[in-house]
C-alpha cells in the first residue's frame, strides 16, 4: 500500500519473497531538483538498487540509490537506507546502521526451512 518503486533511471532488482510494508519508497535517483544552482551543492544521484531474496522491509522505509541489500535482510520501520548491507543484517535508523547480524541459530533455522 502506498509504495513507490522507482526504476526509471537505473536498474531496480527485487529478489524472490521480499516483503514490503506500507509507505516504502525505493529510489534509483535522488531527483527532482529543478534548480541548477542547488545542483552545484546537492547534485542529483542515481544508481541501481538491489534487494536480495527473502528481505523484509518495514513501514515508511526509504531506500536510496546505489544500495545493495543481501539475502534475508530486515529493515526496521522508518529507516533511511543510504548504504549497502550484507546478508542476514538487521538494520534501522536515520541513516540506517547495522543493529545486529542474525545469530547462527537464526541462520540455521532459515537454512533448514523447506521454504527457501
PDB file of N, CA and C in Angstrom:
ATOM      1  N   UNK A   1       0.828  -1.175   0.000  1.00  0.00           N
ATOM      2  CA  UNK A   1       0.000   0.000   0.000  1.00  0.00           C
ATOM      3  C   UNK A   1       0.883   1.252   0.000  1.00  0.00           C
ATOM      4  N   UNK A   2       0.627   2.165  -0.905  1.00  0.00           N
ATOM      5  CA  UNK A   2       1.340   3.447  -0.978  1.00  0.00           C
ATOM      6  C   UNK A   2       2.850   3.292  -1.104  1.00  0.00           C
ATOM      7  N   UNK A   3       3.302   2.281  -1.805  1.00  0.00           N
ATOM      8  CA  UNK A   3       4.730   2.045  -2.003  1.00  0.00           C
ATOM      9  C   UNK A   3       5.139   2.519  -3.382  1.00  0.00           C
ATOM     10  N   UNK A   4       6.301   3.190  -3.455  1.00  0.00           N
ATOM     11  CA  UNK A   4       6.828   3.687  -4.717  1.00  0.00           C
ATOM     12  C   UNK A   4       8.102   2.920  -5.037  1.00  0.00           C
ATOM     13  N   UNK A   5       8.128   2.284  -6.214  1.00  0.00           N
ATOM     14  CA  UNK A   5       9.314   1.587  -6.698  1.00  0.00           C
ATOM     15  C   UNK A   5       9.777   2.325  -7.945  1.00  0.00           C
ATOM     16  N   UNK A   6      10.822   3.126  -7.819  1.00  0.00           N
ATOM     17  CA  UNK A   6      11.308   3.961  -8.907  1.00  0.00           C
ATOM     18  C   UNK A   6      12.492   3.274  -9.570  1.00  0.00           C
ATOM     19  N   UNK A   7      12.284   2.725 -10.754  1.00  0.00           N
ATOM     20  CA  UNK A   7      13.340   2.071 -11.504  1.00  0.00           C
ATOM     21  C   UNK A   7      13.527   2.693 -12.869  1.00  0.00           C
ATOM     22  N   UNK A   8      13.301   3.980 -12.990  1.00  0.00           N
ATOM     23  CA  UNK A   8      13.323   4.633 -14.297  1.00  0.00           C
ATOM     24  C   UNK A   8      14.738   4.927 -14.796  1.00  0.00           C
ATOM     25  N   UNK A   9      15.595   5.497 -13.974  1.00  0.00           N
ATOM     26  CA  UNK A   9      16.909   5.965 -14.399  1.00  0.00           C
ATOM     27  C   UNK A   9      17.978   4.873 -14.324  1.00  0.00           C
ATOM     28  N   UNK A  10      17.831   3.947 -13.400  1.00  0.00           N
ATOM     29  CA  UNK A  10      18.804   2.865 -13.210  1.00  0.00           C
ATOM     30  C   UNK A  10      18.046   1.584 -12.858  1.00  0.00           C
ATOM     31  N   UNK A  11      18.770   0.503 -12.797  1.00  0.00           N
ATOM     32  CA  UNK A  11      18.148  -0.802 -12.580  1.00  0.00           C
ATOM     33  C   UNK A  11      17.700  -0.975 -11.123  1.00  0.00           C
ATOM     34  N   UNK A  12      16.503  -1.497 -10.965  1.00  0.00           N
ATOM     35  CA  UNK A  12      15.959  -1.878  -9.666  1.00  0.00           C
ATOM     36  C   UNK A  12      15.707  -3.375  -9.714  1.00  0.00           C
ATOM     37  N   UNK A  13      16.408  -4.129  -8.859  1.00  0.00           N
ATOM     38  CA  UNK A  13      16.290  -5.586  -8.831  1.00  0.00           C
ATOM     39  C   UNK A  13      15.741  -5.984  -7.468  1.00  0.00           C
ATOM     40  N   UNK A  14      14.622  -6.701  -7.483  1.00  0.00           N
ATOM     41  CA  UNK A  14      13.990  -7.167  -6.245  1.00  0.00           C
ATOM     42  C   UNK A  14      13.970  -8.682  -6.283  1.00  0.00           C
ATOM     43  N   UNK A  15      14.544  -9.303  -5.262  1.00  0.00           N
ATOM     44  CA  UNK A  15      14.629 -10.762  -5.197  1.00  0.00           C
ATOM     45  C   UNK A  15      13.280 -11.415  -4.945  1.00  0.00           C
ATOM     46  N   UNK A  16      13.318 -12.716  -4.779  1.00  0.00           N
ATOM     47  CA  UNK A  16      12.115 -13.504  -4.518  1.00  0.00           C
ATOM     48  C   UNK A  16      11.704 -13.385  -3.052  1.00  0.00           C
ATOM     49  N   UNK A  17      10.398 -13.425  -2.812  1.00  0.00           N
ATOM     50  CA  UNK A  17       9.824 -13.469  -1.460  1.00  0.00           C
ATOM     51  C   UNK A  17      10.213 -12.259  -0.608  1.00  0.00           C
ATOM     52  N   UNK A  18      10.282 -11.085  -1.223  1.00  0.00           N
ATOM     53  CA  UNK A  18      10.575  -9.853  -0.494  1.00  0.00           C
ATOM     54  C   UNK A  18       9.253  -9.277   0.009  1.00  0.00           C
ATOM     55  N   UNK A  19       9.231  -8.869   1.272  1.00  0.00           N
ATOM     56  CA  UNK A  19       8.020  -8.318   1.892  1.00  0.00           C
ATOM     57  C   UNK A  19       8.177  -6.810   2.068  1.00  0.00           C
ATOM     58  N   UNK A  20       7.210  -6.061   1.536  1.00  0.00           N
ATOM     59  CA  UNK A  20       7.178  -4.606   1.685  1.00  0.00           C
ATOM     60  C   UNK A  20       5.994  -4.233   2.558  1.00  0.00           C
ATOM     61  N   UNK A  21       6.242  -3.497   3.633  1.00  0.00           N
ATOM     62  CA  UNK A  21       5.150  -2.914   4.405  1.00  0.00           C
ATOM     63  C   UNK A  21       4.670  -1.660   3.663  1.00  0.00           C
ATOM     64  N   UNK A  22       3.738  -0.928   4.229  1.00  0.00           N
ATOM     65  CA  UNK A  22       3.178   0.245   3.568  1.00  0.00           C
ATOM     66  C   UNK A  22       4.150   1.423   3.589  1.00  0.00           C
ATOM     67  N   UNK A  23       3.961   2.309   2.616  1.00  0.00           N
ATOM     68  CA  UNK A  23       4.683   3.582   2.521  1.00  0.00           C
ATOM     69  C   UNK A  23       6.189   3.441   2.308  1.00  0.00           C
ATOM     70  N   UNK A  24       6.624   2.397   1.634  1.00  0.00           N
ATOM     71  CA  UNK A  24       8.046   2.213   1.327  1.00  0.00           C
ATOM     72  C   UNK A  24       8.358   2.987   0.048  1.00  0.00           C
ATOM     73  N   UNK A  25       9.549   3.576  -0.007  1.00  0.00           N
ATOM     74  CA  UNK A  25       9.982   4.334  -1.173  1.00  0.00           C
ATOM     75  C   UNK A  25      11.370   3.844  -1.569  1.00  0.00           C
ATOM     76  N   UNK A  26      11.468   3.187  -2.737  1.00  0.00           N
ATOM     77  CA  UNK A  26      12.744   2.699  -3.254  1.00  0.00           C
ATOM     78  C   UNK A  26      13.099   3.568  -4.450  1.00  0.00           C
ATOM     79  N   UNK A  27      14.240   4.261  -4.375  1.00  0.00           N
ATOM     80  CA  UNK A  27      14.583   5.271  -5.367  1.00  0.00           C
ATOM     81  C   UNK A  27      15.919   4.954  -6.021  1.00  0.00           C
ATOM     82  N   UNK A  28      15.948   4.938  -7.351  1.00  0.00           N
ATOM     83  CA  UNK A  28      17.213   4.775  -8.069  1.00  0.00           C
ATOM     84  C   UNK A  28      17.791   6.132  -8.470  1.00  0.00           C
ATOM     85  N   UNK A  29      17.079   7.210  -8.157  1.00  0.00           N
ATOM     86  CA  UNK A  29      17.627   8.551  -8.345  1.00  0.00           C
ATOM     87  C   UNK A  29      17.099   9.472  -7.260  1.00  0.00           C
ATOM     88  N   UNK A  30      17.852  10.543  -7.023  1.00  0.00           N
ATOM     89  CA  UNK A  30      17.522  11.428  -5.906  1.00  0.00           C
ATOM     90  C   UNK A  30      16.714  12.644  -6.323  1.00  0.00           C
ATOM     91  N   UNK A  31      16.334  12.734  -7.597  1.00  0.00           N
ATOM     92  CA  UNK A  31      15.598  13.895  -8.095  1.00  0.00           C
ATOM     93  C   UNK A  31      14.193  13.947  -7.548  1.00  0.00           C
ATOM     94  N   UNK A  32      13.413  14.940  -7.869  1.00  0.00           N
ATOM     95  CA  UNK A  32      13.779  16.029  -8.755  1.00  0.00           C
ATOM     96  C   UNK A  32      14.464  17.158  -7.999  1.00  0.00           C
ATOM     97  N   UNK A  33      15.259  17.902  -8.731  1.00  0.00           N
ATOM     98  CA  UNK A  33      15.865  19.131  -8.226  1.00  0.00           C
ATOM     99  C   UNK A  33      15.975  20.060  -9.427  1.00  0.00           C
ATOM    100  N   UNK A  34      14.978  20.891  -9.623  1.00  0.00           N
ATOM    101  CA  UNK A  34      14.886  21.737 -10.816  1.00  0.00           C
ATOM    102  C   UNK A  34      15.884  22.883 -10.806  1.00  0.00           C
ATOM    103  N   UNK A  35      16.484  23.171  -9.663  1.00  0.00           N
ATOM    104  CA  UNK A  35      17.401  24.298  -9.549  1.00  0.00           C
ATOM    105  C   UNK A  35      18.823  23.858  -9.898  1.00  0.00           C
ATOM    106  N   UNK A  36      19.314  24.322 -11.043  1.00  0.00           N
ATOM    107  CA  UNK A  36      20.686  24.004 -11.427  1.00  0.00           C
ATOM    108  C   UNK A  36      21.684  24.590 -10.429  1.00  0.00           C
ATOM    109  N   UNK A  37      21.359  25.735  -9.836  1.00  0.00           N
ATOM    110  CA  UNK A  37      22.226  26.337  -8.823  1.00  0.00           C
ATOM    111  C   UNK A  37      22.329  25.424  -7.595  1.00  0.00           C
ATOM    112  N   UNK A  38      21.201  24.884  -7.141  1.00  0.00           N
ATOM    113  CA  UNK A  38      21.213  23.971  -5.992  1.00  0.00           C
ATOM    114  C   UNK A  38      21.916  22.657  -6.331  1.00  0.00           C
ATOM    115  N   UNK A  39      21.853  22.240  -7.598  1.00  0.00           N
ATOM    116  CA  UNK A  39      22.535  21.012  -8.003  1.00  0.00           C
ATOM    117  C   UNK A  39      24.045  21.137  -7.887  1.00  0.00           C
ATOM    118  N   UNK A  40      24.577  22.358  -7.907  1.00  0.00           N
ATOM    119  CA  UNK A  40      26.011  22.563  -7.704  1.00  0.00           C
ATOM    120  C   UNK A  40      26.432  22.113  -6.308  1.00  0.00           C
ATOM    121  N   UNK A  41      25.543  22.271  -5.339  1.00  0.00           N
ATOM    122  CA  UNK A  41      25.831  21.899  -3.953  1.00  0.00           C
ATOM    123  C   UNK A  41      25.264  20.517  -3.631  1.00  0.00           C
ATOM    124  N   UNK A  42      24.075  20.220  -4.142  1.00  0.00           N
ATOM    125  CA  UNK A  42      23.386  18.950  -3.892  1.00  0.00           C
ATOM    126  C   UNK A  42      23.115  18.266  -5.226  1.00  0.00           C
ATOM    127  N   UNK A  43      24.141  17.623  -5.810  1.00  0.00           N
ATOM    128  CA  UNK A  43      23.965  17.021  -7.128  1.00  0.00           C
ATOM    129  C   UNK A  43      22.970  15.873  -7.102  1.00  0.00           C
ATOM    130  N   UNK A  44      22.318  15.687  -8.235  1.00  0.00           N
ATOM    131  CA  UNK A  44      21.433  14.540  -8.378  1.00  0.00           C
ATOM    132  C   UNK A  44      22.263  13.273  -8.338  1.00  0.00           C
ATOM    133  N   UNK A  45      21.771  12.278  -7.645  1.00  0.00           N
ATOM    134  CA  UNK A  45      22.452  10.986  -7.580  1.00  0.00           C
ATOM    135  C   UNK A  45      21.566   9.955  -8.234  1.00  0.00           C
ATOM    136  N   UNK A  46      22.183   9.010  -8.901  1.00  0.00           N
ATOM    137  CA  UNK A  46      21.426   7.891  -9.447  1.00  0.00           C
ATOM    138  C   UNK A  46      22.311   6.658  -9.458  1.00  0.00           C
ATOM    139  N   UNK A  47      21.685   5.512  -9.320  1.00  0.00           N
ATOM    140  CA  UNK A  47      22.395   4.239  -9.320  1.00  0.00           C
ATOM    141  C   UNK A  47      21.447   3.115  -8.995  1.00  0.00           C
ATOM    142  N   UNK A  48      21.848   1.919  -9.315  1.00  0.00           N
ATOM    143  CA  UNK A  48      20.970   0.766  -9.146  1.00  0.00           C
ATOM    144  C   UNK A  48      20.698   0.472  -7.670  1.00  0.00           C
ATOM    145  N   UNK A  49      19.596  -0.205  -7.449  1.00  0.00           N
ATOM    146  CA  UNK A  49      19.235  -0.724  -6.132  1.00  0.00           C
ATOM    147  C   UNK A  49      18.969  -2.214  -6.308  1.00  0.00           C
ATOM    148  N   UNK A  50      19.563  -3.011  -5.421  1.00  0.00           N
ATOM    149  CA  UNK A  50      19.376  -4.462  -5.454  1.00  0.00           C
ATOM    150  C   UNK A  50      18.937  -4.926  -4.074  1.00  0.00           C
ATOM    151  N   UNK A  51      17.804  -5.609  -4.047  1.00  0.00           N
ATOM    152  CA  UNK A  51      17.254  -6.144  -2.793  1.00  0.00           C
ATOM    153  C   UNK A  51      17.271  -7.657  -2.914  1.00  0.00           C
ATOM    154  N   UNK A  52      17.976  -8.311  -2.007  1.00  0.00           N
ATOM    155  CA  UNK A  52      18.144  -9.758  -2.064  1.00  0.00           C
ATOM    156  C   UNK A  52      16.867 -10.524  -1.757  1.00  0.00           C
ATOM    157  N   UNK A  53      16.947 -11.822  -1.890  1.00  0.00           N
ATOM    158  CA  UNK A  53      15.815 -12.716  -1.624  1.00  0.00           C
ATOM    159  C   UNK A  53      15.434 -12.692  -0.144  1.00  0.00           C
ATOM    160  N   UNK A  54      14.147 -12.853   0.121  1.00  0.00           N
ATOM    161  CA  UNK A  54      13.603 -13.036   1.468  1.00  0.00           C
ATOM    162  C   UNK A  54      13.846 -11.849   2.402  1.00  0.00           C
ATOM    163  N   UNK A  55      14.015 -10.649   1.859  1.00  0.00           N
ATOM    164  CA  UNK A  55      14.178  -9.473   2.716  1.00  0.00           C
ATOM    165  C   UNK A  55      12.823  -9.011   3.238  1.00  0.00           C
ATOM    166  N   UNK A  56      12.860  -8.343   4.360  1.00  0.00           N
ATOM    167  CA  UNK A  56      11.650  -7.810   4.986  1.00  0.00           C
ATOM    168  C   UNK A  56      11.875  -6.315   5.196  1.00  0.00           C
ATOM    169  N   UNK A  57      11.027  -5.504   4.571  1.00  0.00           N
ATOM    170  CA  UNK A  57      11.210  -4.060   4.603  1.00  0.00           C
ATOM    171  C   UNK A  57      10.033  -3.435   5.349  1.00  0.00           C
ATOM    172  N   UNK A  58      10.337  -2.769   6.455  1.00  0.00           N
ATOM    173  CA  UNK A  58       9.318  -2.215   7.325  1.00  0.00           C
ATOM    174  C   UNK A  58       8.636  -0.983   6.758  1.00  0.00           C
ATOM    175  N   UNK A  59       7.608  -0.530   7.458  1.00  0.00           N
ATOM    176  CA  UNK A  59       6.791   0.605   7.027  1.00  0.00           C
ATOM    177  C   UNK A  59       7.618   1.888   6.960  1.00  0.00           C
ATOM    178  N   UNK A  60       7.336   2.686   5.936  1.00  0.00           N
ATOM    179  CA  UNK A  60       7.913   4.020   5.750  1.00  0.00           C
ATOM    180  C   UNK A  60       9.437   4.013   5.619  1.00  0.00           C
ATOM    181  N   UNK A  61       9.982   2.947   5.075  1.00  0.00           N
ATOM    182  CA  UNK A  61      11.417   2.873   4.799  1.00  0.00           C
ATOM    183  C   UNK A  61      11.699   3.584   3.478  1.00  0.00           C
ATOM    184  N   UNK A  62      12.825   4.295   3.417  1.00  0.00           N
ATOM    185  CA  UNK A  62      13.307   4.910   2.188  1.00  0.00           C
ATOM    186  C   UNK A  62      14.638   4.256   1.843  1.00  0.00           C
ATOM    187  N   UNK A  63      14.740   3.732   0.617  1.00  0.00           N
ATOM    188  CA  UNK A  63      15.990   3.140   0.137  1.00  0.00           C
ATOM    189  C   UNK A  63      16.493   4.010  -1.007  1.00  0.00           C
ATOM    190  N   UNK A  64      17.703   4.520  -0.855  1.00  0.00           N
ATOM    191  CA  UNK A  64      18.297   5.463  -1.794  1.00  0.00           C
ATOM    192  C   UNK A  64      19.093   4.745  -2.888  1.00  0.00           C
ATOM    193  N   UNK A  65      19.550   5.493  -3.911  1.00  0.00           N
ATOM    194  CA  UNK A  65      20.340   4.900  -4.991  1.00  0.00           C
ATOM    195  C   UNK A  65      21.654   4.288  -4.501  1.00  0.00           C
ATOM    196  N   UNK A  66      22.172   3.349  -5.289  1.00  0.00           N
ATOM    197  CA  UNK A  66      23.464   2.695  -5.035  1.00  0.00           C
ATOM    198  C   UNK A  66      23.466   1.861  -3.762  1.00  0.00           C
ATOM    199  N   UNK A  67      22.356   1.205  -3.477  1.00  0.00           N
ATOM    200  CA  UNK A  67      22.245   0.354  -2.295  1.00  0.00           C
ATOM    201  C   UNK A  67      22.025  -1.087  -2.733  1.00  0.00           C
ATOM    202  N   UNK A  68      22.746  -1.992  -2.094  1.00  0.00           N
ATOM    203  CA  UNK A  68      22.536  -3.427  -2.269  1.00  0.00           C
ATOM    204  C   UNK A  68      22.276  -4.028  -0.900  1.00  0.00           C
ATOM    205  N   UNK A  69      21.189  -4.782  -0.793  1.00  0.00           N
ATOM    206  CA  UNK A  69      20.850  -5.492   0.433  1.00  0.00           C
ATOM    207  C   UNK A  69      20.986  -6.983   0.160  1.00  0.00           C
ATOM    208  N   UNK A  70      21.766  -7.672   0.970  1.00  0.00           N
ATOM    209  CA  UNK A  70      21.940  -9.104   0.798  1.00  0.00           C
ATOM    210  C   UNK A  70      20.672  -9.867   1.135  1.00  0.00           C
ATOM    211  N   UNK A  71      20.684 -11.156   0.903  1.00  0.00           N
ATOM    212  CA  UNK A  71      19.535 -12.010   1.220  1.00  0.00           C
ATOM    213  C   UNK A  71      19.215 -11.961   2.710  1.00  0.00           C
ATOM    214  N   UNK A  72      17.939 -12.084   3.034  1.00  0.00           N
ATOM    215  CA  UNK A  72      17.441 -12.198   4.408  1.00  0.00           C
ATOM    216  C   UNK A  72      17.723 -10.970   5.277  1.00  0.00           C
ATOM    217  N   UNK A  73      17.778  -9.790   4.686  1.00  0.00           N
ATOM    218  CA  UNK A  73      17.925  -8.567   5.482  1.00  0.00           C
ATOM    219  C   UNK A  73      16.570  -8.153   6.055  1.00  0.00           C
ATOM    220  N   UNK A  74      16.604  -7.551   7.220  1.00  0.00           N
ATOM    221  CA  UNK A  74      15.414  -6.984   7.852  1.00  0.00           C
ATOM    222  C   UNK A  74      15.695  -5.498   8.056  1.00  0.00           C
ATOM    223  N   UNK A  75      14.773  -4.657   7.552  1.00  0.00           N
ATOM    224  CA  UNK A  75      14.915  -3.212   7.721  1.00  0.00           C
ATOM    225  C   UNK A  75      13.788  -2.727   8.628  1.00  0.00           C
ATOM    226  N   UNK A  76      14.159  -2.103   9.722  1.00  0.00           N
ATOM    227  CA  UNK A  76      13.214  -1.619  10.714  1.00  0.00           C
ATOM    228  C   UNK A  76      12.416  -0.449  10.134  1.00  0.00           C
ATOM    229  N   UNK A  77      11.168  -0.309  10.546  1.00  0.00           N
ATOM    230  CA  UNK A  77      10.293   0.769  10.081  1.00  0.00           C
ATOM    231  C   UNK A  77      10.946   2.134  10.271  1.00  0.00           C
ATOM    232  N   UNK A  78      10.600   3.066   9.376  1.00  0.00           N
ATOM    233  CA  UNK A  78      11.052   4.460   9.419  1.00  0.00           C
ATOM    234  C   UNK A  78      12.554   4.626   9.226  1.00  0.00           C
ATOM    235  N   UNK A  79      13.195   3.708   8.533  1.00  0.00           N
ATOM    236  CA  UNK A  79      14.635   3.786   8.306  1.00  0.00           C
ATOM    237  C   UNK A  79      14.945   4.457   6.980  1.00  0.00           C
ATOM    238  N   UNK A  80      16.096   5.124   6.931  1.00  0.00           N
ATOM    239  CA  UNK A  80      16.609   5.773   5.726  1.00  0.00           C
ATOM    240  C   UNK A  80      17.884   5.033   5.340  1.00  0.00           C
ATOM    241  N   UNK A  81      17.793   4.229   4.272  1.00  0.00           N
ATOM    242  CA  UNK A  81      18.893   3.348   3.890  1.00  0.00           C
ATOM    243  C   UNK A  81      19.672   3.994   2.750  1.00  0.00           C
ATOM    244  N   UNK A  82      20.898   4.424   3.034  1.00  0.00           N
ATOM    245  CA  UNK A  82      21.718   5.080   2.016  1.00  0.00           C
ATOM    246  C   UNK A  82      23.064   4.385   1.813  1.00  0.00           C
ATOM    247  N   UNK A  83      23.207   3.172   2.353  1.00  0.00           N
ATOM    248  CA  UNK A  83      24.405   2.370   2.110  1.00  0.00           C
ATOM    249  C   UNK A  83      24.014   0.899   2.087  1.00  0.00           C
ATOM    250  N   UNK A  84      24.919   0.074   1.624  1.00  0.00           N
ATOM    251  CA  UNK A  84      24.640  -1.354   1.431  1.00  0.00           C
ATOM    252  C   UNK A  84      24.928  -2.154   2.697  1.00  0.00           C
ATOM    253  N   UNK A  85      24.245  -3.322   2.788  1.00  0.00           N
ATOM    254  CA  UNK A  85      24.423  -4.218   3.927  1.00  0.00           C
ATOM    255  C   UNK A  85      24.464  -5.657   3.435  1.00  0.00           C
ATOM    256  N   UNK A  86      25.248  -6.515   4.118  1.00  0.00           N
ATOM    257  CA  UNK A  86      25.359  -7.910   3.693  1.00  0.00           C
ATOM    258  C   UNK A  86      24.149  -8.740   4.128  1.00  0.00           C
ATOM    259  N   UNK A  87      24.112  -9.963   3.648  1.00  0.00           N
ATOM    260  CA  UNK A  87      23.044 -10.907   4.007  1.00  0.00           C
ATOM    261  C   UNK A  87      22.948 -11.053   5.523  1.00  0.00           C
ATOM    262  N   UNK A  88      21.732 -11.316   5.984  1.00  0.00           N
ATOM    263  CA  UNK A  88      21.417 -11.587   7.392  1.00  0.00           C
ATOM    264  C   UNK A  88      21.604 -10.367   8.299  1.00  0.00           C
ATOM    265  N   UNK A  89      21.570  -9.173   7.724  1.00  0.00           N
ATOM    266  CA  UNK A  89      21.685  -7.950   8.522  1.00  0.00           C
ATOM    267  C   UNK A  89      20.319  -7.510   9.022  1.00  0.00           C
ATOM    268  N   UNK A  90      20.288  -6.998  10.223  1.00  0.00           N
ATOM    269  CA  UNK A  90      19.108  -6.324  10.766  1.00  0.00           C
ATOM    270  C   UNK A  90      19.534  -4.874  10.933  1.00  0.00           C
ATOM    271  N   UNK A  91      18.861  -3.980  10.189  1.00  0.00           N
ATOM    272  CA  UNK A  91      19.304  -2.597  10.135  1.00  0.00           C
ATOM    273  C   UNK A  91      18.161  -1.644  10.453  1.00  0.00           C
ATOM    274  N   UNK A  92      18.517  -0.446  10.880  1.00  0.00           N
ATOM    275  CA  UNK A  92      17.493   0.554  11.133  1.00  0.00           C
ATOM    276  C   UNK A  92      18.108   1.887  11.507  1.00  0.00           C
ATOM    277  N   UNK A  93      17.299   2.932  11.408  1.00  0.00           N
ATOM    278  CA  UNK A  93      17.712   4.263  11.813  1.00  0.00           C
ATOM    279  C   UNK A  93      17.712   5.240  10.665  1.00  0.00           C
ATOM    280  N   UNK A  94      18.061   6.502  11.008  1.00  0.00           N
ATOM    281  CA  UNK A  94      18.122   7.596  10.035  1.00  0.00           C
ATOM    282  C   UNK A  94      19.448   8.312  10.203  1.00  0.00           C
ATOM    283  N   UNK A  95      20.467   7.983   9.453  1.00  0.00           N
ATOM    284  CA  UNK A  95      20.524   6.943   8.425  1.00  0.00           C
ATOM    285  C   UNK A  95      20.621   5.552   9.050  1.00  0.00           C
ATOM    286  N   UNK A  96      20.298   4.559   8.253  1.00  0.00           N
ATOM    287  CA  UNK A  96      20.294   3.182   8.741  1.00  0.00           C
ATOM    288  C   UNK A  96      21.713   2.716   9.065  1.00  0.00           C
ATOM    289  N   UNK A  97      21.820   1.999  10.160  1.00  0.00           N
ATOM    290  CA  UNK A  97      23.059   1.366  10.591  1.00  0.00           C
ATOM    291  C   UNK A  97      22.760  -0.074  10.941  1.00  0.00           C
ATOM    292  N   UNK A  98      23.804  -0.867  11.037  1.00  0.00           N
ATOM    293  CA  UNK A  98      23.649  -2.253  11.437  1.00  0.00           C
ATOM    294  C   UNK A  98      23.239  -2.309  12.905  1.00  0.00           C
ATOM    295  N   UNK A  99      22.081  -2.910  13.173  1.00  0.00           N
ATOM    296  CA  UNK A  99      21.661  -3.137  14.559  1.00  0.00           C
ATOM    297  C   UNK A  99      22.358  -4.386  15.070  1.00  0.00           C
ATOM    298  N   UNK A 100      22.266  -5.450  14.265  1.00  0.00           N
ATOM    299  CA  UNK A 100      22.986  -6.681  14.575  1.00  0.00           C
ATOM    300  C   UNK A 100      22.898  -7.615  13.383  1.00  0.00           C
ATOM    301  N   UNK A 101      23.765  -8.579  13.358  1.00  0.00           N
ATOM    302  CA  UNK A 101      23.671  -9.661  12.389  1.00  0.00           C
ATOM    303  C   UNK A 101      22.800 -10.746  13.008  1.00  0.00           C
ATOM    304  N   UNK A 102      22.108 -11.502  12.165  1.00  0.00           N
ATOM    305  CA  UNK A 102      21.348 -12.637  12.693  1.00  0.00           C
ATOM    306  C   UNK A 102      22.317 -13.607  13.354  1.00  0.00           C
ATOM    307  N   UNK A 103      21.840 -14.262  14.384  1.00  0.00           N
ATOM    308  CA  UNK A 103      22.669 -15.240  15.091  1.00  0.00           C
ATOM    309  C   UNK A 103      22.818 -16.504  14.245  1.00  0.00           C
ATOM    310  N   UNK A 104      23.794 -17.304  14.579  1.00  0.00           N
ATOM    311  CA  UNK A 104      23.986 -18.569  13.876  1.00  0.00           C
ATOM    312  C   UNK A 104      22.746 -19.450  14.016  1.00  0.00           C
ATOM    313  N   UNK A 105      22.116 -19.418  15.173  1.00  0.00           N
ATOM    314  CA  UNK A 105      20.886 -20.199  15.404  1.00  0.00           C
ATOM    315  C   UNK A 105      19.768 -19.734  14.466  1.00  0.00           C
ATOM    316  N   UNK A 106      19.612 -18.424  14.304  1.00  0.00           N
ATOM    317  CA  UNK A 106      18.594 -17.895  13.397  1.00  0.00           C
ATOM    318  C   UNK A 106      18.889 -18.281  11.950  1.00  0.00           C
ATOM    319  N   UNK A 107      20.146 -18.197  11.571  1.00  0.00           N
ATOM    320  CA  UNK A 107      20.535 -18.552  10.207  1.00  0.00           C
ATOM    321  C   UNK A 107      20.295 -20.037   9.951  1.00  0.00           C
ATOM    322  N   UNK A 108      20.610 -20.870  10.912  1.00  0.00           N
ATOM    323  CA  UNK A 108      20.375 -22.316  10.759  1.00  0.00           C
ATOM    324  C   UNK A 108      18.893 -22.622  10.615  1.00  0.00           C
ATOM    325  N   UNK A 109      18.038 -21.933  11.372  1.00  0.00           N
ATOM    326  CA  UNK A 109      16.588 -22.111  11.232  1.00  0.00           C
ATOM    327  C   UNK A 109      16.133 -21.771   9.821  1.00  0.00           C
ATOM    328  N   UNK A 110      16.648 -20.663   9.305  1.00  0.00           N
ATOM    329  CA  UNK A 110      16.299 -20.255   7.935  1.00  0.00           C
ATOM    330  C   UNK A 110      16.765 -21.307   6.945  1.00  0.00           C
ATOM    331  N   UNK A 111      18.002 -21.746   7.095  1.00  0.00           N
ATOM    332  CA  UNK A 111      18.571 -22.718   6.144  1.00  0.00           C
ATOM    333  C   UNK A 111      17.887 -24.076   6.200  1.00  0.00           C
ATOM    334  N   UNK A 112      17.350 -24.444   7.364  1.00  0.00           N
ATOM    335  CA  UNK A 112      16.635 -25.723   7.494  1.00  0.00           C
ATOM    336  C   UNK A 112      15.225 -25.661   6.897  1.00  0.00           C
ATOM    337  N   UNK A 113      14.733 -24.463   6.730  1.00  0.00           N
ATOM    338  CA  UNK A 113      13.372 -24.284   6.203  1.00  0.00           C
ATOM    339  C   UNK A 113      13.271 -24.843   4.798  1.00  0.00           C
ATOM    340  N   UNK A 114      12.186 -25.494   4.521  1.00  0.00           N
ATOM    341  CA  UNK A 114      11.926 -26.020   3.175  1.00  0.00           C
ATOM    342  C   UNK A 114      11.353 -24.923   2.283  1.00  0.00           C
ATOM    343  N   UNK A 115      11.248 -23.695   2.799  1.00  0.00           N
ATOM    344  CA  UNK A 115      10.562 -22.615   2.095  1.00  0.00           C
ATOM    345  C   UNK A 115      11.523 -21.643   1.420  1.00  0.00           C
ATOM    346  N   UNK A 116      12.819 -21.971   1.355  1.00  0.00           N
ATOM    347  CA  UNK A 116      13.738 -21.027   0.693  1.00  0.00           C
ATOM    348  C   UNK A 116      14.174 -21.492  -0.662  1.00  0.00           C
TER     349      UNK A 116
END
